[in-house]
Amino acid sequence: MKYSLHFIEEARLDIKEAFQWYDSKLPELGNSFLDSLYKSLEVIERNPYQYQIQLRSIRKAVLKRFPYLVIFTIKGQRVIVLGVIHSSRNPTVWKKRT
């Protein structure tokens, strides 16, 4: 089955903020963050059910090299990305988005 990714606006803002923060620290680090994110998203898109349910129907994937989580849920053939959150942030940030 083919899944498609859909991002809520808050998730898009999470990505933008993380990219800008990393890019301000070191040139090209923002692009490395995006590369890591895109690789994780490709895996999620191929098989989202490989990730365990964390809360109700919410699942999370951990990025490689960066301390970020991709928080998502599955609705039919759609993977809804609810957030790309730093792993040290309070989980209530993404729980409010469900």
N, C-alpha and C. Protein backbone atom coordinates (compact mmCIF):
# COMPACT_ATOMS: atom_id res chain seq x y z
N MET A 1 0.84 -1.18 0.00
CA MET A 1 0.00 0.00 0.00
C MET A 1 0.89 1.24 0.00
N LYS A 2 0.53 2.22 -0.78
CA LYS A 2 1.27 3.48 -0.87
C LYS A 2 0.63 4.51 0.05
N TYR A 3 1.43 5.14 0.87
CA TYR A 3 0.96 6.18 1.79
C TYR A 3 1.45 7.53 1.30
N SER A 4 0.67 8.56 1.59
CA SER A 4 1.08 9.92 1.24
C SER A 4 1.23 10.74 2.52
N LEU A 5 2.21 11.62 2.51
CA LEU A 5 2.48 12.46 3.67
C LEU A 5 1.71 13.77 3.57
N HIS A 6 1.16 14.19 4.69
CA HIS A 6 0.47 15.47 4.80
C HIS A 6 0.93 16.12 6.09
N PHE A 7 1.22 17.41 6.05
CA PHE A 7 1.75 18.12 7.20
C PHE A 7 0.75 19.16 7.67
N ILE A 8 0.49 19.18 8.99
CA ILE A 8 -0.31 20.28 9.51
C ILE A 8 0.62 21.50 9.57
N GLU A 9 0.04 22.67 9.65
CA GLU A 9 0.82 23.91 9.61
C GLU A 9 1.86 23.98 10.72
N GLU A 10 1.52 23.52 11.92
CA GLU A 10 2.47 23.56 13.03
C GLU A 10 3.70 22.71 12.74
N ALA A 11 3.52 21.59 12.05
CA ALA A 11 4.67 20.74 11.69
C ALA A 11 5.58 21.46 10.70
N ARG A 12 4.98 22.15 9.75
CA ARG A 12 5.78 22.93 8.80
C ARG A 12 6.60 24.00 9.52
N LEU A 13 5.98 24.63 10.50
CA LEU A 13 6.69 25.66 11.28
C LEU A 13 7.80 25.04 12.12
N ASP A 14 7.56 23.85 12.67
CA ASP A 14 8.59 23.15 13.43
C ASP A 14 9.83 22.93 12.56
N ILE A 15 9.61 22.46 11.35
CA ILE A 15 10.71 22.17 10.43
C ILE A 15 11.47 23.45 10.09
N LYS A 16 10.74 24.50 9.79
CA LYS A 16 11.36 25.77 9.45
C LYS A 16 12.21 26.30 10.60
N GLU A 17 11.67 26.25 11.81
CA GLU A 17 12.40 26.75 12.98
C GLU A 17 13.66 25.93 13.25
N ALA A 18 13.55 24.62 13.14
CA ALA A 18 14.72 23.76 13.38
C ALA A 18 15.79 24.01 12.33
N PHE A 19 15.37 24.10 11.08
CA PHE A 19 16.31 24.38 10.00
C PHE A 19 17.04 25.69 10.25
N GLN A 20 16.30 26.75 10.57
CA GLN A 20 16.91 28.06 10.79
C GLN A 20 17.87 28.04 11.98
N TRP A 21 17.51 27.34 13.04
CA TRP A 21 18.38 27.27 14.22
C TRP A 21 19.69 26.59 13.87
N TYR A 22 19.60 25.41 13.23
CA TYR A 22 20.82 24.69 12.86
C TYR A 22 21.65 25.46 11.85
N ASP A 23 21.00 26.09 10.89
CA ASP A 23 21.72 26.85 9.87
C ASP A 23 22.44 28.06 10.48
N SER A 24 21.87 28.63 11.54
CA SER A 24 22.51 29.78 12.19
C SER A 24 23.74 29.36 12.99
N LYS A 25 23.79 28.09 13.38
CA LYS A 25 24.92 27.59 14.17
C LYS A 25 26.12 27.24 13.30
N LEU A 26 25.85 26.70 12.13
CA LEU A 26 26.92 26.26 11.25
C LEU A 26 26.37 26.16 9.83
N PRO A 27 27.02 26.82 8.88
CA PRO A 27 26.53 26.72 7.50
C PRO A 27 26.44 25.26 7.07
N GLU A 28 25.38 24.95 6.38
CA GLU A 28 25.08 23.61 5.86
C GLU A 28 24.54 22.65 6.92
N LEU A 29 24.57 23.00 8.20
CA LEU A 29 24.01 22.11 9.21
C LEU A 29 22.49 22.03 9.07
N GLY A 30 21.88 23.14 8.66
CA GLY A 30 20.44 23.14 8.40
C GLY A 30 20.08 22.16 7.29
N ASN A 31 20.91 22.13 6.25
CA ASN A 31 20.66 21.18 5.15
C ASN A 31 20.86 19.74 5.60
N SER A 32 21.83 19.51 6.48
CA SER A 32 22.03 18.17 7.03
C SER A 32 20.82 17.72 7.84
N PHE A 33 20.25 18.66 8.60
CA PHE A 33 19.02 18.37 9.35
C PHE A 33 17.91 17.96 8.38
N LEU A 34 17.73 18.75 7.31
CA LEU A 34 16.68 18.43 6.34
C LEU A 34 16.92 17.08 5.68
N ASP A 35 18.16 16.77 5.35
CA ASP A 35 18.47 15.46 4.76
C ASP A 35 18.06 14.33 5.69
N SER A 36 18.40 14.48 6.96
CA SER A 36 18.03 13.46 7.95
C SER A 36 16.51 13.33 8.06
N LEU A 37 15.84 14.46 8.09
CA LEU A 37 14.38 14.47 8.16
C LEU A 37 13.77 13.78 6.95
N TYR A 38 14.23 14.13 5.76
CA TYR A 38 13.67 13.55 4.54
C TYR A 38 13.87 12.04 4.48
N LYS A 39 15.03 11.57 4.94
CA LYS A 39 15.26 10.12 4.97
C LYS A 39 14.28 9.43 5.91
N SER A 40 14.05 10.03 7.06
CA SER A 40 13.07 9.46 8.00
C SER A 40 11.67 9.48 7.42
N LEU A 41 11.32 10.56 6.75
CA LEU A 41 9.99 10.67 6.15
C LEU A 41 9.79 9.63 5.05
N GLU A 42 10.85 9.33 4.30
CA GLU A 42 10.75 8.30 3.26
C GLU A 42 10.45 6.93 3.88
N VAL A 43 11.10 6.63 4.99
CA VAL A 43 10.86 5.36 5.68
C VAL A 43 9.43 5.32 6.22
N ILE A 44 8.99 6.41 6.83
CA ILE A 44 7.63 6.50 7.35
C ILE A 44 6.62 6.30 6.23
N GLU A 45 6.85 6.95 5.11
CA GLU A 45 5.93 6.88 3.98
C GLU A 45 5.82 5.45 3.44
N ARG A 46 6.92 4.72 3.44
CA ARG A 46 6.90 3.34 2.94
C ARG A 46 6.18 2.39 3.88
N ASN A 47 6.40 2.56 5.20
CA ASN A 47 5.80 1.63 6.15
C ASN A 47 5.57 2.32 7.50
N PRO A 48 4.54 3.12 7.62
CA PRO A 48 4.31 3.85 8.87
C PRO A 48 3.94 2.96 10.05
N TYR A 49 3.46 1.76 9.77
CA TYR A 49 3.04 0.87 10.85
C TYR A 49 4.22 0.21 11.59
N GLN A 50 5.42 0.41 11.11
CA GLN A 50 6.58 -0.15 11.82
C GLN A 50 6.88 0.60 13.11
N TYR A 51 6.27 1.78 13.28
CA TYR A 51 6.48 2.57 14.49
C TYR A 51 5.36 2.31 15.48
N GLN A 52 5.73 2.13 16.73
CA GLN A 52 4.75 1.80 17.77
C GLN A 52 3.85 2.99 18.09
N ILE A 53 2.65 2.67 18.51
CA ILE A 53 1.71 3.69 18.97
C ILE A 53 2.21 4.19 20.32
N GLN A 54 2.27 5.51 20.46
CA GLN A 54 2.72 6.13 21.70
C GLN A 54 1.55 6.58 22.58
N LEU A 55 0.55 7.13 21.94
CA LEU A 55 -0.62 7.66 22.65
C LEU A 55 -1.78 7.62 21.67
N ARG A 56 -2.86 6.98 22.08
CA ARG A 56 -4.00 6.79 21.17
C ARG A 56 -3.50 6.27 19.83
N SER A 57 -3.61 7.04 18.77
CA SER A 57 -3.15 6.58 17.45
C SER A 57 -1.87 7.30 17.00
N ILE A 58 -1.20 7.95 17.92
CA ILE A 58 -0.01 8.75 17.60
C ILE A 58 1.24 7.88 17.63
N ARG A 59 2.07 8.05 16.62
CA ARG A 59 3.33 7.31 16.51
C ARG A 59 4.47 8.31 16.40
N LYS A 60 5.69 7.84 16.68
CA LYS A 60 6.84 8.73 16.54
C LYS A 60 8.02 8.00 15.95
N ALA A 61 8.79 8.74 15.16
CA ALA A 61 10.03 8.23 14.58
C ALA A 61 11.15 9.16 15.04
N VAL A 62 12.29 8.58 15.35
CA VAL A 62 13.44 9.35 15.81
C VAL A 62 14.38 9.60 14.63
N LEU A 63 14.78 10.86 14.44
CA LEU A 63 15.73 11.18 13.39
C LEU A 63 17.11 10.66 13.76
N LYS A 64 17.88 10.29 12.77
CA LYS A 64 19.27 9.91 12.99
C LYS A 64 20.10 11.20 13.03
N ARG A 65 21.05 11.24 13.93
CA ARG A 65 22.01 12.33 14.08
C ARG A 65 21.45 13.58 14.74
N PHE A 66 20.17 13.80 14.71
CA PHE A 66 19.58 14.99 15.32
C PHE A 66 18.55 14.56 16.36
N PRO A 67 18.46 15.29 17.46
CA PRO A 67 17.55 14.90 18.55
C PRO A 67 16.11 15.36 18.31
N TYR A 68 15.54 14.92 17.21
CA TYR A 68 14.18 15.31 16.85
C TYR A 68 13.31 14.09 16.62
N LEU A 69 12.03 14.27 16.87
CA LEU A 69 11.03 13.23 16.67
C LEU A 69 10.04 13.70 15.62
N VAL A 70 9.66 12.78 14.74
CA VAL A 70 8.57 13.04 13.80
C VAL A 70 7.34 12.41 14.44
N ILE A 71 6.37 13.23 14.78
CA ILE A 71 5.13 12.78 15.41
C ILE A 71 4.06 12.70 14.33
N PHE A 72 3.40 11.54 14.20
CA PHE A 72 2.44 11.38 13.12
C PHE A 72 1.32 10.41 13.50
N THR A 73 0.28 10.45 12.70
CA THR A 73 -0.81 9.50 12.82
C THR A 73 -1.16 9.03 11.41
N ILE A 74 -1.89 7.94 11.34
CA ILE A 74 -2.24 7.35 10.04
C ILE A 74 -3.76 7.38 9.90
N LYS A 75 -4.21 7.93 8.79
CA LYS A 75 -5.64 7.98 8.46
C LYS A 75 -5.82 7.40 7.06
N GLY A 76 -6.22 6.15 7.00
CA GLY A 76 -6.36 5.49 5.69
C GLY A 76 -5.00 5.37 5.03
N GLN A 77 -4.86 5.99 3.87
CA GLN A 77 -3.59 5.96 3.14
C GLN A 77 -2.79 7.25 3.35
N ARG A 78 -3.22 8.06 4.31
CA ARG A 78 -2.53 9.33 4.58
C ARG A 78 -1.78 9.25 5.90
N VAL A 79 -0.55 9.70 5.87
CA VAL A 79 0.24 9.86 7.08
C VAL A 79 0.21 11.36 7.39
N ILE A 80 -0.38 11.70 8.52
CA ILE A 80 -0.51 13.10 8.92
C ILE A 80 0.62 13.42 9.90
N VAL A 81 1.54 14.29 9.49
CA VAL A 81 2.65 14.69 10.36
C VAL A 81 2.15 15.84 11.23
N LEU A 82 2.14 15.57 12.54
CA LEU A 82 1.64 16.54 13.52
C LEU A 82 2.74 17.44 14.07
N GLY A 83 3.97 16.99 13.96
CA GLY A 83 5.06 17.81 14.47
C GLY A 83 6.41 17.19 14.22
N VAL A 84 7.41 18.04 14.22
CA VAL A 84 8.81 17.63 14.20
C VAL A 84 9.41 18.35 15.40
N ILE A 85 9.51 17.63 16.50
CA ILE A 85 9.74 18.20 17.82
C ILE A 85 11.09 17.76 18.38
N HIS A 86 11.79 18.68 19.00
CA HIS A 86 13.04 18.33 19.68
C HIS A 86 12.70 17.34 20.79
N SER A 87 13.53 16.33 20.94
CA SER A 87 13.22 15.24 21.88
C SER A 87 13.22 15.68 23.35
N SER A 88 13.82 16.81 23.65
CA SER A 88 13.82 17.27 25.05
C SER A 88 12.63 18.16 25.38
N ARG A 89 11.82 18.49 24.38
CA ARG A 89 10.64 19.33 24.64
C ARG A 89 9.56 18.55 25.38
N ASN A 90 8.78 19.28 26.09
CA ASN A 90 7.67 18.70 26.83
C ASN A 90 6.69 18.06 25.84
N PRO A 91 6.29 16.80 26.06
CA PRO A 91 5.40 16.13 25.11
C PRO A 91 4.02 16.77 24.99
N THR A 92 3.65 17.64 25.91
CA THR A 92 2.35 18.29 25.78
C THR A 92 2.30 19.18 24.54
N VAL A 93 3.46 19.57 24.02
CA VAL A 93 3.50 20.39 22.80
C VAL A 93 2.81 19.67 21.66
N TRP A 94 3.15 18.39 21.44
CA TRP A 94 2.52 17.69 20.33
C TRP A 94 1.20 17.06 20.71
N LYS A 95 1.00 16.78 22.00
CA LYS A 95 -0.27 16.18 22.42
C LYS A 95 -1.44 17.14 22.17
N LYS A 96 -1.17 18.43 22.26
CA LYS A 96 -2.22 19.43 22.00
C LYS A 96 -2.65 19.46 20.54
N ARG A 97 -1.83 18.92 19.67
CA ARG A 97 -2.11 18.96 18.23
C ARG A 97 -2.97 17.80 17.78
N THR A 98 -3.24 16.85 18.63
CA THR A 98 -4.01 15.67 18.22
C THR A 98 -5.49 15.91 18.27
